[in-house]
Amino acid sequence: MKKKKERIEMKILVVGDIVGRPGRKTLKSYLEKYKENYDFIIVNGENAAAGFGITEKIAVEFLSWGIDIITGGNHTWDKKEFYTFLNQSNRVIRPCNYPEGVPGLGYSILPSKKGKKVAVLSLQGRVFMPATDCPFRVAEKVLSEIQKETNIIIVDFHAEASSEKIALGWFLDGKVSSVYGTHTHIQTADEKILPQGTSYITDVGMTGSENGVIGMKVECILPKFLTALPQRFEVAEGNEMLHGIVLDIDEENGKTVQIERIAWREE
């Protein structure tokens, strides 16, 4: 009787939007304890610098902690001094569906701990978001190139509307390993594996203080709603949590075997 081939799985950690110093502190604590459990680590860093954008110093620090790649979103562009680093590094990416000529890469292909290639593609939604090219069409175009190099493909879809995120998940089912949402900072409980093996979750959540409003101080946010006037937002502190997902991917066919949510608070 022919022996059944043993399945080799890759364990990928995805951490949701890191919000300011409290989020960075929580991320570091988690990685110090658990990073050895993972073959590849992806973090969304677009809110890492006081809630708005990311700096080269923070990005380099993240990478030194064992993070493999940092994804972005609409706040990627908040710190203009970061544009130079975006052009220099293949370990920090911005949404792929911005027009040609903007700084940085929209996807990157990097080796896991075991040497297996992993592609990470960043996309941004268009519903209630700044105008960009169609994420569906852009994904279709770039995947034809990515699939020549690897079948392990992870998509960070930075979008506001749940419907747009769900639609992209179905559109990419069987074409990528996983589609997960970022941007809303609220972890959803709809993780699933779609019929053709692509895992999906509408939003992985944020990493930062639970004492505020999606990471910002309550006293800054309430006047905005009560008066409709502009307010200066400040990052909330205390009661920090890390939110994300863990993906188990079949290294041979690139399909998700398991998707699990994480909600972690340091004891």
Protein backbone atom coordinates (compact mmCIF):
# COMPACT_ATOMS: atom_id res chain seq x y z
CA MET A 1 0.00 0.00 0.00
CA LYS A 2 1.36 3.40 -1.00
CA LYS A 3 2.23 5.54 1.99
CA LYS A 4 0.26 8.77 2.18
CA LYS A 5 2.44 11.85 1.70
CA GLU A 6 2.80 13.86 4.89
CA ARG A 7 1.41 17.38 4.64
CA ILE A 8 3.86 20.18 5.42
CA GLU A 9 2.21 23.25 6.89
CA MET A 10 3.42 26.81 7.28
CA LYS A 11 2.21 28.82 10.27
CA ILE A 12 1.72 32.51 9.49
CA LEU A 13 0.96 35.21 12.06
CA VAL A 14 -0.98 38.29 10.94
CA VAL A 15 -1.27 41.20 13.39
CA GLY A 16 -3.87 43.93 12.93
CA ASP A 17 -3.25 47.69 12.72
CA ILE A 18 -0.66 48.74 15.32
CA VAL A 19 -1.88 51.97 16.94
CA GLY A 20 0.81 54.23 18.38
CA ARG A 21 3.23 53.53 21.22
CA PRO A 22 0.79 51.34 23.22
CA GLY A 23 0.30 49.14 20.17
CA ARG A 24 4.04 48.90 19.54
CA LYS A 25 4.69 47.97 23.16
CA THR A 26 2.04 45.23 23.06
CA LEU A 27 3.34 43.87 19.76
CA LYS A 28 6.87 43.66 21.13
CA SER A 29 5.72 41.84 24.28
CA TYR A 30 3.77 39.29 22.24
CA LEU A 31 6.63 38.63 19.84
CA GLU A 32 9.15 38.20 22.66
CA LYS A 33 6.99 35.37 23.98
CA TYR A 34 5.65 33.71 20.83
CA LYS A 35 7.49 34.67 17.64
CA GLU A 36 9.34 31.33 17.51
CA ASN A 37 5.98 29.62 16.97
CA TYR A 38 5.62 31.16 13.51
CA ASP A 39 7.27 30.65 10.13
CA PHE A 40 6.29 34.07 8.78
CA ILE A 41 4.98 37.25 10.43
CA ILE A 42 2.92 40.03 8.81
CA VAL A 43 1.98 43.27 10.58
CA ASN A 44 -0.08 46.25 9.43
CA GLY A 45 1.91 49.30 10.49
CA GLU A 46 0.08 52.28 8.98
CA ASN A 47 -1.02 53.64 12.40
CA ALA A 48 2.21 52.87 14.25
CA ALA A 49 3.46 56.48 14.54
CA ALA A 50 1.07 58.20 16.98
CA GLY A 51 -1.85 56.68 15.08
CA PHE A 52 -1.04 58.26 11.73
CA GLY A 53 1.51 56.69 9.40
CA ILE A 54 4.82 55.03 10.16
CA THR A 55 8.43 56.22 10.27
CA GLU A 56 11.62 54.57 9.09
CA LYS A 57 12.79 54.24 12.70
CA ILE A 58 9.64 52.35 13.70
CA ALA A 59 9.72 50.16 10.59
CA VAL A 60 13.35 49.18 11.19
CA GLU A 61 12.53 48.44 14.83
CA PHE A 62 9.61 46.21 13.79
CA LEU A 63 11.80 44.27 11.38
CA SER A 64 14.43 43.78 14.09
CA TRP A 65 11.77 42.07 16.25
CA GLY A 66 11.39 39.27 13.71
CA ILE A 67 8.57 40.69 11.59
CA ASP A 68 8.95 39.65 7.96
CA ILE A 69 6.83 42.30 6.25
CA ILE A 70 4.86 45.44 7.13
CA THR A 71 1.70 46.26 5.18
CA GLY A 72 -0.02 49.63 4.91
CA GLY A 73 -3.13 51.49 3.82
CA ASN A 74 -4.41 55.02 3.37
CA HIS A 75 -2.27 56.29 6.28
CA THR A 76 0.93 55.00 4.65
CA TRP A 77 1.28 58.46 3.10
CA ASP A 78 0.94 60.51 6.32
CA LYS A 79 4.71 60.87 6.89
CA LYS A 80 6.30 62.21 3.70
CA GLU A 81 9.78 61.53 5.05
CA PHE A 82 8.88 57.82 4.93
CA TYR A 83 8.58 57.80 1.14
CA THR A 84 12.33 57.34 0.68
CA PHE A 85 12.36 54.21 2.84
CA LEU A 86 9.33 52.88 0.97
CA ASN A 87 11.39 53.06 -2.21
CA GLN A 88 14.37 51.31 -0.61
CA SER A 89 12.77 48.37 1.22
CA ASN A 90 10.94 45.32 -0.06
CA ARG A 91 9.77 44.51 3.47
CA VAL A 92 7.40 47.46 3.78
CA ILE A 93 4.62 47.65 1.20
CA ARG A 94 1.75 50.02 0.36
CA PRO A 95 -1.56 49.30 -1.41
CA CYS A 96 -0.88 47.98 -4.90
CA ASN A 97 -3.84 49.76 -6.48
CA TYR A 98 -2.46 53.28 -6.21
CA PRO A 99 -1.56 54.90 -9.55
CA GLU A 100 1.76 54.20 -11.22
CA GLY A 101 4.63 56.35 -10.01
CA VAL A 102 3.82 56.45 -6.30
CA PRO A 103 6.60 55.38 -3.91
CA GLY A 104 7.11 51.78 -2.85
CA LEU A 105 5.93 48.31 -3.78
CA GLY A 106 2.39 46.95 -3.77
CA TYR A 107 3.49 43.40 -3.09
CA SER A 108 6.61 41.52 -2.10
CA ILE A 109 7.78 37.91 -2.21
CA LEU A 110 9.98 36.86 0.70
CA PRO A 111 11.30 33.59 2.17
CA SER A 112 9.77 32.03 5.28
CA LYS A 113 11.96 30.61 8.05
CA LYS A 114 12.08 27.34 6.10
CA GLY A 115 12.96 29.11 2.85
CA LYS A 116 9.55 28.71 1.17
CA LYS A 117 8.49 31.81 -0.79
CA VAL A 118 5.55 33.80 0.58
CA ALA A 119 3.89 36.59 -1.39
CA VAL A 120 2.10 39.39 0.46
CA LEU A 121 -0.17 41.69 -1.56
CA SER A 122 -1.58 44.94 -0.17
CA LEU A 123 -4.83 46.36 -1.59
CA GLN A 124 -7.05 49.28 -0.60
CA GLY A 125 -10.83 49.49 -0.91
CA ARG A 126 -12.76 52.16 -2.78
CA VAL A 127 -16.03 52.34 -0.82
CA PHE A 128 -15.90 55.30 1.64
CA MET A 129 -12.13 55.49 1.00
CA PRO A 130 -9.80 57.76 -1.03
CA ALA A 131 -10.03 57.17 -4.78
CA THR A 132 -7.74 54.43 -6.11
CA ASP A 133 -7.65 52.00 -9.00
CA CYS A 134 -9.96 48.97 -8.85
CA PRO A 135 -8.54 46.47 -6.30
CA PHE A 136 -10.27 43.56 -8.07
CA ARG A 137 -8.72 44.31 -11.46
CA VAL A 138 -5.31 45.14 -9.99
CA ALA A 139 -5.27 41.89 -8.00
CA GLU A 140 -6.18 39.91 -11.11
CA LYS A 141 -3.34 41.55 -13.04
CA VAL A 142 -0.54 41.15 -10.49
CA LEU A 143 -1.52 37.63 -9.45
CA SER A 144 -0.66 36.38 -12.92
CA GLU A 145 2.95 37.41 -12.15
CA ILE A 146 3.03 36.38 -8.49
CA GLN A 147 1.72 32.87 -9.21
CA LYS A 148 4.78 32.20 -11.38
CA GLU A 149 6.92 32.34 -8.22
CA THR A 150 4.78 30.96 -5.40
CA ASN A 151 1.35 29.57 -4.55
CA ILE A 152 1.43 30.91 -0.98
CA ILE A 153 -0.19 34.32 -1.39
CA ILE A 154 -1.58 36.45 1.45
CA VAL A 155 -3.75 39.51 0.76
CA ASP A 156 -4.20 42.42 3.19
CA PHE A 157 -7.34 44.29 2.03
CA HIS A 158 -7.42 47.68 3.76
CA ALA A 159 -11.03 48.72 3.36
CA GLU A 160 -14.01 50.28 5.11
CA ALA A 161 -17.00 48.39 3.70
CA SER A 162 -17.60 44.81 4.82
CA SER A 163 -19.41 44.07 1.56
CA GLU A 164 -16.39 45.08 -0.51
CA LYS A 165 -14.11 42.91 1.61
CA ILE A 166 -16.42 39.89 1.41
CA ALA A 167 -16.74 40.32 -2.36
CA LEU A 168 -12.96 40.35 -2.80
CA GLY A 169 -12.69 37.20 -0.70
CA TRP A 170 -15.04 35.37 -3.06
CA PHE A 171 -13.36 36.88 -6.12
CA LEU A 172 -9.96 35.56 -5.02
CA ASP A 173 -11.13 32.19 -3.68
CA GLY A 174 -8.81 29.53 -5.07
CA LYS A 175 -6.38 32.14 -6.40
CA VAL A 176 -4.69 33.07 -3.11
CA SER A 177 -4.10 31.45 0.28
CA SER A 178 -5.85 34.06 2.40
CA VAL A 179 -7.72 37.36 2.19
CA TYR A 180 -8.01 39.31 5.43
CA GLY A 181 -9.35 42.78 6.12
CA THR A 182 -7.73 45.66 7.98
CA HIS A 183 -8.62 49.34 8.62
CA THR A 184 -11.77 49.28 10.80
CA HIS A 185 -9.81 48.26 13.95
CA ILE A 186 -12.67 45.97 15.06
CA GLN A 187 -12.01 42.23 14.90
CA THR A 188 -14.85 40.33 13.24
CA ALA A 189 -15.96 36.78 14.08
CA ASP A 190 -16.56 35.57 10.53
CA GLU A 191 -13.32 33.70 9.86
CA LYS A 192 -13.82 30.86 7.40
CA ILE A 193 -12.24 28.80 4.66
CA LEU A 194 -14.00 29.36 1.32
CA PRO A 195 -14.86 26.42 -0.98
CA GLN A 196 -11.65 26.53 -3.01
CA GLY A 197 -9.31 26.79 -0.03
CA THR A 198 -8.85 30.53 0.51
CA SER A 199 -9.28 31.64 4.12
CA TYR A 200 -11.16 34.85 4.84
CA ILE A 201 -11.95 37.26 7.68
CA THR A 202 -13.55 40.70 7.30
CA ASP A 203 -11.21 42.40 9.79
CA VAL A 204 -8.38 41.12 11.95
CA GLY A 205 -8.76 44.01 14.42
CA MET A 206 -6.21 46.40 15.90
CA THR A 207 -3.36 46.26 18.39
CA GLY A 208 -3.55 49.08 20.90
CA SER A 209 -5.59 50.47 23.80
CA GLU A 210 -9.10 49.19 24.45
CA ASN A 211 -9.76 52.30 26.60
CA GLY A 212 -10.48 54.53 23.62
CA VAL A 213 -12.41 54.67 20.36
CA ILE A 214 -10.61 52.45 17.83
CA GLY A 215 -7.32 53.35 19.50
CA MET A 216 -7.86 57.08 20.10
CA LYS A 217 -8.70 58.91 23.35
CA VAL A 218 -12.41 59.14 24.14
CA GLU A 219 -12.07 62.82 25.12
CA CYS A 220 -10.80 63.59 21.61
CA ILE A 221 -13.44 61.61 19.75
CA LEU A 222 -16.64 62.59 21.61
CA PRO A 223 -16.38 66.34 20.76
CA LYS A 224 -16.00 65.37 17.11
CA PHE A 225 -19.37 63.60 17.18
CA LEU A 226 -21.08 66.18 19.41
CA THR A 227 -19.96 69.31 17.53
CA ALA A 228 -18.98 68.06 14.04
CA LEU A 229 -15.89 70.26 14.36
CA PRO A 230 -12.31 69.08 13.64
CA GLN A 231 -10.45 67.69 16.64
CA ARG A 232 -6.85 66.74 17.28
CA PHE A 233 -6.76 62.98 17.85
CA GLU A 234 -4.43 61.44 20.42
CA VAL A 235 -3.61 57.77 20.99
CA ALA A 236 -5.37 56.14 23.94
CA GLU A 237 -3.38 54.25 26.58
CA GLY A 238 -4.04 51.38 28.97
CA ASN A 239 -5.80 48.03 28.69
CA GLU A 240 -3.87 47.17 25.53
CA MET A 241 -4.71 44.16 23.38
CA LEU A 242 -3.21 42.50 20.35
CA HIS A 243 -5.60 41.26 17.67
CA GLY A 244 -4.79 39.16 14.66
CA ILE A 245 -5.06 35.74 13.07
CA VAL A 246 -2.95 32.62 12.70
CA LEU A 247 -3.01 30.81 9.36
CA ASP A 248 -1.94 27.23 8.78
CA ILE A 249 -1.11 26.92 5.07
CA ASP A 250 -0.45 23.72 3.12
CA GLU A 251 2.98 24.37 1.59
CA GLU A 252 2.31 22.12 -1.41
CA ASN A 253 -0.97 23.55 -2.69
CA GLY A 254 -1.05 26.94 -0.96
CA LYS A 255 -4.51 26.40 0.53
CA THR A 256 -5.45 27.28 4.10
CA VAL A 257 -5.83 24.33 6.44
CA GLN A 258 -6.92 26.42 9.44
CA ILE A 259 -7.60 30.05 10.35
CA GLU A 260 -7.77 31.12 13.99
CA ARG A 261 -8.42 34.50 15.59
CA ILE A 262 -6.11 35.92 18.28
CA ALA A 263 -7.11 38.39 21.01
CA TRP A 264 -4.20 38.64 23.46
CA ARG A 265 -3.59 40.77 26.53
CA GLU A 266 -0.37 40.66 28.53
CA GLU A 267 -0.93 39.18 31.98
